[in-house]
Amino acid sequence: MTTANELAAAHCTLLRGVEHQLSPDRIADLLGVLPEGWRLVEDGTAIEKTFRFPDYHRTMAYVNALAFIAHAEDHHPDLGVHYDRCVVRFSTHDVGGLSINDFIGAAKAEALLQR
């Protein structure tokens, strides 16, 4: 079984094609190792979580740190940025659904809060 720490330590790789889509069972397993709040959206083709912050400054600090990591991993989430929260959504468009990269990204998004 994969842990959240193992996912956070991993790196995204270029994935193209439906053969890289995760099975529903694997998605359920990986959702189970992520911290609470991650959920399936878009008919199971994406995962999403809302991160809440006390003010705009902290929200933007998180968004900028996440953008830096996403750039380094070359796997970019969709972000909804608001005054006191950021909605983070991962999906791998090149595979037409969820790949391991989405769960690596989610784990790295969580790890930012531990720093």
Protein backbone atom coordinates (compact mmCIF):
# COMPACT_ATOMS: atom_id res chain seq x y z
CA MET A 1 0.00 0.00 0.00
CA THR A 2 1.21 3.49 -0.84
CA THR A 3 1.35 6.13 1.91
CA ALA A 4 0.80 9.88 1.67
CA ASN A 5 4.46 10.42 2.56
CA GLU A 6 5.56 8.13 -0.28
CA LEU A 7 3.33 10.03 -2.69
CA ALA A 8 4.69 13.39 -1.49
CA ALA A 9 8.27 12.16 -1.98
CA ALA A 10 7.59 10.85 -5.50
CA HIS A 11 7.85 12.88 -8.70
CA CYS A 12 5.43 13.22 -11.59
CA THR A 13 6.34 11.72 -14.94
CA LEU A 14 5.01 12.42 -18.40
CA LEU A 15 1.98 10.19 -18.96
CA ARG A 16 -0.07 10.04 -22.14
CA GLY A 17 -2.79 7.60 -23.10
CA VAL A 18 -5.66 5.83 -21.43
CA GLU A 19 -3.42 2.97 -20.31
CA HIS A 20 -2.23 5.32 -17.53
CA GLN A 21 -5.73 5.88 -16.14
CA LEU A 22 -6.11 4.50 -12.65
CA SER A 23 -8.76 1.86 -11.97
CA PRO A 24 -11.65 2.74 -9.66
CA ASP A 25 -10.19 0.40 -7.01
CA ARG A 26 -6.76 2.06 -7.18
CA ILE A 27 -8.39 5.51 -7.02
CA ALA A 28 -10.29 4.47 -3.89
CA ASP A 29 -7.09 3.12 -2.33
CA LEU A 30 -5.16 6.31 -3.05
CA LEU A 31 -7.98 8.56 -1.83
CA GLY A 32 -7.86 6.58 1.39
CA VAL A 33 -4.22 7.52 2.04
CA LEU A 34 -4.67 11.24 1.39
CA PRO A 35 -5.67 13.46 4.31
CA GLU A 36 -9.36 14.10 4.82
CA GLY A 37 -11.18 16.37 2.41
CA TRP A 38 -10.14 15.06 -1.01
CA ARG A 39 -13.06 13.87 -3.10
CA LEU A 40 -13.85 12.63 -6.58
CA VAL A 41 -15.44 15.19 -8.91
CA GLU A 42 -16.29 15.50 -12.60
CA ASP A 43 -17.73 11.99 -12.82
CA GLY A 44 -14.65 10.50 -11.20
CA THR A 45 -12.12 12.05 -13.59
CA ALA A 46 -10.68 14.53 -11.08
CA ILE A 47 -9.94 14.93 -7.38
CA GLU A 48 -10.55 18.13 -5.47
CA LYS A 49 -10.10 19.70 -2.07
CA THR A 50 -10.79 23.13 -0.61
CA PHE A 51 -8.00 24.50 1.56
CA ARG A 52 -9.09 27.24 3.99
CA PHE A 53 -6.93 30.08 5.31
CA PRO A 54 -7.49 32.95 7.76
CA ASP A 55 -6.88 35.70 5.21
CA TYR A 56 -6.02 36.60 1.63
CA HIS A 57 -2.29 36.91 2.31
CA ARG A 58 -2.02 33.32 3.54
CA THR A 59 -4.22 32.06 0.71
CA MET A 60 -1.94 33.70 -1.85
CA ALA A 61 1.20 32.43 -0.12
CA TYR A 62 -0.18 28.89 -0.41
CA VAL A 63 -1.20 29.40 -4.05
CA ASN A 64 2.24 30.72 -4.98
CA ALA A 65 4.03 27.86 -3.20
CA LEU A 66 1.76 25.32 -4.90
CA ALA A 67 2.35 26.96 -8.28
CA PHE A 68 6.11 26.67 -7.75
CA ILE A 69 5.83 22.95 -6.97
CA ALA A 70 3.42 22.33 -9.85
CA HIS A 71 5.87 23.98 -12.23
CA ALA A 72 8.76 21.88 -10.92
CA GLU A 73 6.68 18.68 -11.30
CA ASP A 74 5.23 19.78 -14.67
CA HIS A 75 1.78 18.75 -13.42
CA HIS A 76 -0.54 21.68 -12.87
CA PRO A 77 -3.80 21.68 -10.92
CA ASP A 78 -6.80 23.83 -11.69
CA LEU A 79 -7.09 26.42 -8.93
CA GLY A 80 -10.05 28.43 -7.67
CA VAL A 81 -8.58 31.26 -5.61
CA HIS A 82 -10.75 33.19 -3.14
CA TYR A 83 -10.11 35.50 -0.19
CA ASP A 84 -9.94 32.75 2.44
CA ARG A 85 -9.69 29.53 0.47
CA CYS A 86 -8.20 27.80 -2.53
CA VAL A 87 -9.95 24.99 -4.38
CA VAL A 88 -7.36 22.59 -5.82
CA ARG A 89 -8.41 20.16 -8.56
CA PHE A 90 -6.14 17.58 -10.15
CA SER A 91 -6.78 15.57 -13.31
CA THR A 92 -4.47 14.26 -16.02
CA HIS A 93 -5.96 15.52 -19.26
CA ASP A 94 -3.48 13.53 -21.37
CA VAL A 95 -4.86 10.25 -19.99
CA GLY A 96 -8.50 11.33 -19.91
CA GLY A 97 -8.92 10.93 -16.16
CA LEU A 98 -6.91 10.28 -13.04
CA SER A 99 -3.30 9.11 -13.01
CA ILE A 100 -0.76 8.59 -10.26
CA ASN A 101 0.48 12.13 -10.96
CA ASP A 102 -2.77 13.55 -9.56
CA PHE A 103 -2.26 11.81 -6.25
CA ILE A 104 1.40 12.82 -6.13
CA GLY A 105 0.27 16.42 -6.69
CA ALA A 106 -2.40 16.15 -4.01
CA ALA A 107 0.10 14.77 -1.50
CA LYS A 108 2.53 17.58 -2.30
CA ALA A 109 -0.30 20.13 -1.90
CA GLU A 110 -0.94 18.69 1.56
CA ALA A 111 2.75 18.63 2.47
CA LEU A 112 2.93 22.39 1.96
CA LEU A 113 0.77 22.81 5.06
CA GLN A 114 3.23 20.82 7.15
CA ARG A 115 6.11 23.21 6.49
